[in-house]
Amino acid sequence: MAHRSHRHRPEGPCHFSLMSLSAARRLMLAVVPLAALWLAVAWVLGGAG
């Protein structure tokens, strides 16, 4: 009977894992371009110096 109550409800752990996954994906989509820009600026400043 315990397995019968284990339905995939919106407040279940599966929903939170999906939310954290999408949040991590959005975070990477925001951080990766900034990191690339920072590396490019550091490379230009390092080459100019």
PDB file of N, CA and C in Angstrom:
ATOM      1  N   MET A   1       0.826  -1.211   0.000  1.00  0.00           N
ATOM      2  CA  MET A   1       0.000   0.000   0.000  1.00  0.00           C
ATOM      3  C   MET A   1       0.859   1.261   0.000  1.00  0.00           C
ATOM      4  N   ALA A   2       2.058   1.121   0.508  1.00  0.00           N
ATOM      5  CA  ALA A   2       2.931   2.292   0.544  1.00  0.00           C
ATOM      6  C   ALA A   2       3.311   2.722  -0.868  1.00  0.00           C
ATOM      7  N   HIS A   3       3.451   1.728  -1.766  1.00  0.00           N
ATOM      8  CA  HIS A   3       3.827   2.080  -3.129  1.00  0.00           C
ATOM      9  C   HIS A   3       2.670   2.726  -3.872  1.00  0.00           C
ATOM     10  N   ARG A   4       1.436   2.391  -3.454  1.00  0.00           N
ATOM     11  CA  ARG A   4       0.275   2.973  -4.133  1.00  0.00           C
ATOM     12  C   ARG A   4       0.180   4.473  -3.842  1.00  0.00           C
ATOM     13  N   SER A   5       0.590   4.876  -2.625  1.00  0.00           N
ATOM     14  CA  SER A   5       0.516   6.295  -2.278  1.00  0.00           C
ATOM     15  C   SER A   5       1.650   7.088  -2.927  1.00  0.00           C
ATOM     16  N   HIS A   6       2.629   6.375  -3.482  1.00  0.00           N
ATOM     17  CA  HIS A   6       3.757   7.087  -4.096  1.00  0.00           C
ATOM     18  C   HIS A   6       3.412   7.440  -5.535  1.00  0.00           C
ATOM     19  N   ARG A   7       2.592   8.473  -5.672  1.00  0.00           N
ATOM     20  CA  ARG A   7       2.261   8.978  -6.994  1.00  0.00           C
ATOM     21  C   ARG A   7       3.132  10.204  -7.270  1.00  0.00           C
ATOM     22  N   HIS A   8       3.338  10.495  -8.554  1.00  0.00           N
ATOM     23  CA  HIS A   8       4.150  11.664  -8.885  1.00  0.00           C
ATOM     24  C   HIS A   8       3.311  12.925  -8.746  1.00  0.00           C
ATOM     25  N   ARG A   9       3.255  13.424  -7.530  1.00  0.00           N
ATOM     26  CA  ARG A   9       2.501  14.645  -7.266  1.00  0.00           C
ATOM     27  C   ARG A   9       3.384  15.862  -7.521  1.00  0.00           C
ATOM     28  N   PRO A  10       2.790  17.025  -7.793  1.00  0.00           N
ATOM     29  CA  PRO A  10       3.585  18.242  -8.054  1.00  0.00           C
ATOM     30  C   PRO A  10       4.527  18.591  -6.908  1.00  0.00           C
ATOM     31  N   GLU A  11       4.151  18.226  -5.667  1.00  0.00           N
ATOM     32  CA  GLU A  11       5.008  18.574  -4.539  1.00  0.00           C
ATOM     33  C   GLU A  11       6.007  17.465  -4.223  1.00  0.00           C
ATOM     34  N   GLY A  12       6.065  16.447  -5.081  1.00  0.00           N
ATOM     35  CA  GLY A  12       6.972  15.325  -4.855  1.00  0.00           C
ATOM     36  C   GLY A  12       8.416  15.697  -5.176  1.00  0.00           C
ATOM     37  N   PRO A  13       9.352  14.802  -4.869  1.00  0.00           N
ATOM     38  CA  PRO A  13      10.768  15.063  -5.106  1.00  0.00           C
ATOM     39  C   PRO A  13      11.105  15.145  -6.596  1.00  0.00           C
ATOM     40  N   CYS A  14      10.313  14.452  -7.436  1.00  0.00           N
ATOM     41  CA  CYS A  14      10.584  14.496  -8.871  1.00  0.00           C
ATOM     42  C   CYS A  14      10.378  15.911  -9.416  1.00  0.00           C
ATOM     43  N   HIS A  15       9.354  16.589  -8.905  1.00  0.00           N
ATOM     44  CA  HIS A  15       9.083  17.948  -9.365  1.00  0.00           C
ATOM     45  C   HIS A  15      10.225  18.874  -8.950  1.00  0.00           C
ATOM     46  N   PHE A  16      10.743  18.681  -7.718  1.00  0.00           N
ATOM     47  CA  PHE A  16      11.827  19.531  -7.253  1.00  0.00           C
ATOM     48  C   PHE A  16      13.107  19.254  -8.042  1.00  0.00           C
ATOM     49  N   SER A  17      13.340  17.982  -8.403  1.00  0.00           N
ATOM     50  CA  SER A  17      14.535  17.665  -9.177  1.00  0.00           C
ATOM     51  C   SER A  17      14.436  18.297 -10.564  1.00  0.00           C
ATOM     52  N   LEU A  18      13.242  18.287 -11.148  1.00  0.00           N
ATOM     53  CA  LEU A  18      13.068  18.912 -12.449  1.00  0.00           C
ATOM     54  C   LEU A  18      13.245  20.422 -12.346  1.00  0.00           C
ATOM     55  N   MET A  19      12.743  21.013 -11.259  1.00  0.00           N
ATOM     56  CA  MET A  19      12.909  22.455 -11.079  1.00  0.00           C
ATOM     57  C   MET A  19      14.372  22.806 -10.912  1.00  0.00           C
ATOM     58  N   SER A  20      15.101  22.018 -10.108  1.00  0.00           N
ATOM     59  CA  SER A  20      16.505  22.316  -9.899  1.00  0.00           C
ATOM     60  C   SER A  20      17.281  22.106 -11.198  1.00  0.00           C
ATOM     61  N   LEU A  21      16.855  21.124 -12.017  1.00  0.00           N
ATOM     62  CA  LEU A  21      17.534  20.872 -13.276  1.00  0.00           C
ATOM     63  C   LEU A  21      17.356  22.062 -14.220  1.00  0.00           C
ATOM     64  N   SER A  22      16.131  22.561 -14.329  1.00  0.00           N
ATOM     65  CA  SER A  22      15.895  23.706 -15.202  1.00  0.00           C
ATOM     66  C   SER A  22      16.596  24.943 -14.656  1.00  0.00           C
ATOM     67  N   ALA A  23      16.648  25.084 -13.330  1.00  0.00           N
ATOM     68  CA  ALA A  23      17.343  26.216 -12.731  1.00  0.00           C
ATOM     69  C   ALA A  23      18.832  26.126 -13.018  1.00  0.00           C
ATOM     70  N   ALA A  24      19.393  24.930 -12.936  1.00  0.00           N
ATOM     71  CA  ALA A  24      20.822  24.750 -13.223  1.00  0.00           C
ATOM     72  C   ALA A  24      21.087  25.041 -14.697  1.00  0.00           C
ATOM     73  N   ARG A  25      20.165  24.623 -15.554  1.00  0.00           N
ATOM     74  CA  ARG A  25      20.344  24.885 -16.986  1.00  0.00           C
ATOM     75  C   ARG A  25      20.303  26.383 -17.264  1.00  0.00           C
ATOM     76  N   ARG A  26      19.340  27.092 -16.634  1.00  0.00           N
ATOM     77  CA  ARG A  26      19.269  28.549 -16.824  1.00  0.00           C
ATOM     78  C   ARG A  26      20.501  29.222 -16.252  1.00  0.00           C
ATOM     79  N   LEU A  27      20.995  28.710 -15.116  1.00  0.00           N
ATOM     80  CA  LEU A  27      22.178  29.291 -14.501  1.00  0.00           C
ATOM     81  C   LEU A  27      23.383  29.111 -15.425  1.00  0.00           C
ATOM     82  N   MET A  28      23.521  27.924 -16.016  1.00  0.00           N
ATOM     83  CA  MET A  28      24.641  27.688 -16.934  1.00  0.00           C
ATOM     84  C   MET A  28      24.513  28.573 -18.169  1.00  0.00           C
ATOM     85  N   LEU A  29      23.301  28.724 -18.690  1.00  0.00           N
ATOM     86  CA  LEU A  29      23.099  29.566 -19.870  1.00  0.00           C
ATOM     87  C   LEU A  29      23.438  31.021 -19.561  1.00  0.00           C
ATOM     88  N   ALA A  30      23.342  31.415 -18.297  1.00  0.00           N
ATOM     89  CA  ALA A  30      23.670  32.784 -17.917  1.00  0.00           C
ATOM     90  C   ALA A  30      25.148  32.924 -17.579  1.00  0.00           C
ATOM     91  N   VAL A  31      25.748  31.887 -16.984  1.00  0.00           N
ATOM     92  CA  VAL A  31      27.131  31.979 -16.505  1.00  0.00           C
ATOM     93  C   VAL A  31      28.144  31.710 -17.615  1.00  0.00           C
ATOM     94  N   VAL A  32      27.854  30.758 -18.494  1.00  0.00           N
ATOM     95  CA  VAL A  32      28.825  30.382 -19.526  1.00  0.00           C
ATOM     96  C   VAL A  32      29.199  31.564 -20.433  1.00  0.00           C
ATOM     97  N   PRO A  33      28.244  32.341 -20.968  1.00  0.00           N
ATOM     98  CA  PRO A  33      28.650  33.497 -21.781  1.00  0.00           C
ATOM     99  C   PRO A  33      29.433  34.529 -20.979  1.00  0.00           C
ATOM    100  N   LEU A  34      29.067  34.729 -19.718  1.00  0.00           N
ATOM    101  CA  LEU A  34      29.810  35.679 -18.895  1.00  0.00           C
ATOM    102  C   LEU A  34      31.223  35.181 -18.650  1.00  0.00           C
ATOM    103  N   ALA A  35      31.384  33.898 -18.403  1.00  0.00           N
ATOM    104  CA  ALA A  35      32.717  33.324 -18.190  1.00  0.00           C
ATOM    105  C   ALA A  35      33.539  33.440 -19.470  1.00  0.00           C
ATOM    106  N   ALA A  36      32.931  33.194 -20.625  1.00  0.00           N
ATOM    107  CA  ALA A  36      33.649  33.308 -21.898  1.00  0.00           C
ATOM    108  C   ALA A  36      34.075  34.758 -22.135  1.00  0.00           C
ATOM    109  N   LEU A  37      33.194  35.687 -21.841  1.00  0.00           N
ATOM    110  CA  LEU A  37      33.534  37.104 -21.999  1.00  0.00           C
ATOM    111  C   LEU A  37      34.666  37.497 -21.059  1.00  0.00           C
ATOM    112  N   TRP A  38      34.602  37.022 -19.802  1.00  0.00           N
ATOM    113  CA  TRP A  38      35.652  37.334 -18.840  1.00  0.00           C
ATOM    114  C   TRP A  38      36.991  36.749 -19.283  1.00  0.00           C
ATOM    115  N   LEU A  39      36.969  35.514 -19.791  1.00  0.00           N
ATOM    116  CA  LEU A  39      38.207  34.896 -20.276  1.00  0.00           C
ATOM    117  C   LEU A  39      38.749  35.660 -21.483  1.00  0.00           C
ATOM    118  N   ALA A  40      37.865  36.101 -22.367  1.00  0.00           N
ATOM    119  CA  ALA A  40      38.313  36.853 -23.543  1.00  0.00           C
ATOM    120  C   ALA A  40      38.944  38.178 -23.112  1.00  0.00           C
ATOM    121  N   VAL A  41      38.326  38.871 -22.170  1.00  0.00           N
ATOM    122  CA  VAL A  41      38.875  40.139 -21.688  1.00  0.00           C
ATOM    123  C   VAL A  41      40.210  39.901 -20.995  1.00  0.00           C
ATOM    124  N   ALA A  42      40.284  38.868 -20.176  1.00  0.00           N
ATOM    125  CA  ALA A  42      41.540  38.564 -19.483  1.00  0.00           C
ATOM    126  C   ALA A  42      42.626  38.203 -20.480  1.00  0.00           C
ATOM    127  N   TRP A  43      42.260  37.499 -21.570  1.00  0.00           N
ATOM    128  CA  TRP A  43      43.243  37.114 -22.575  1.00  0.00           C
ATOM    129  C   TRP A  43      43.753  38.349 -23.324  1.00  0.00           C
ATOM    130  N   VAL A  44      42.811  39.279 -23.647  1.00  0.00           N
ATOM    131  CA  VAL A  44      43.216  40.503 -24.354  1.00  0.00           C
ATOM    132  C   VAL A  44      44.095  41.358 -23.464  1.00  0.00           C
ATOM    133  N   LEU A  45      43.709  41.517 -22.210  1.00  0.00           N
ATOM    134  CA  LEU A  45      44.520  42.332 -21.294  1.00  0.00           C
ATOM    135  C   LEU A  45      45.876  41.672 -21.041  1.00  0.00           C
ATOM    136  N   GLY A  46      45.884  40.364 -20.960  1.00  0.00           N
ATOM    137  CA  GLY A  46      47.146  39.654 -20.741  1.00  0.00           C
ATOM    138  C   GLY A  46      48.053  39.775 -21.968  1.00  0.00           C
ATOM    139  N   GLY A  47      47.461  39.718 -23.166  1.00  0.00           N
ATOM    140  CA  GLY A  47      48.258  39.835 -24.385  1.00  0.00           C
ATOM    141  C   GLY A  47      48.725  41.267 -24.612  1.00  0.00           C
ATOM    142  N   ALA A  48      47.909  42.242 -24.171  1.00  0.00           N
ATOM    143  CA  ALA A  48      48.269  43.647 -24.380  1.00  0.00           C
ATOM    144  C   ALA A  48      49.344  44.058 -23.373  1.00  0.00           C
ATOM    145  N   GLY A  49      49.305  43.439 -22.176  1.00  0.00           N
ATOM    146  CA  GLY A  49      50.246  43.829 -21.160  1.00  0.00           C
ATOM    147  C   GLY A  49      51.607  43.317 -21.459  1.00  0.00           C
TER     148      GLY A  49
END
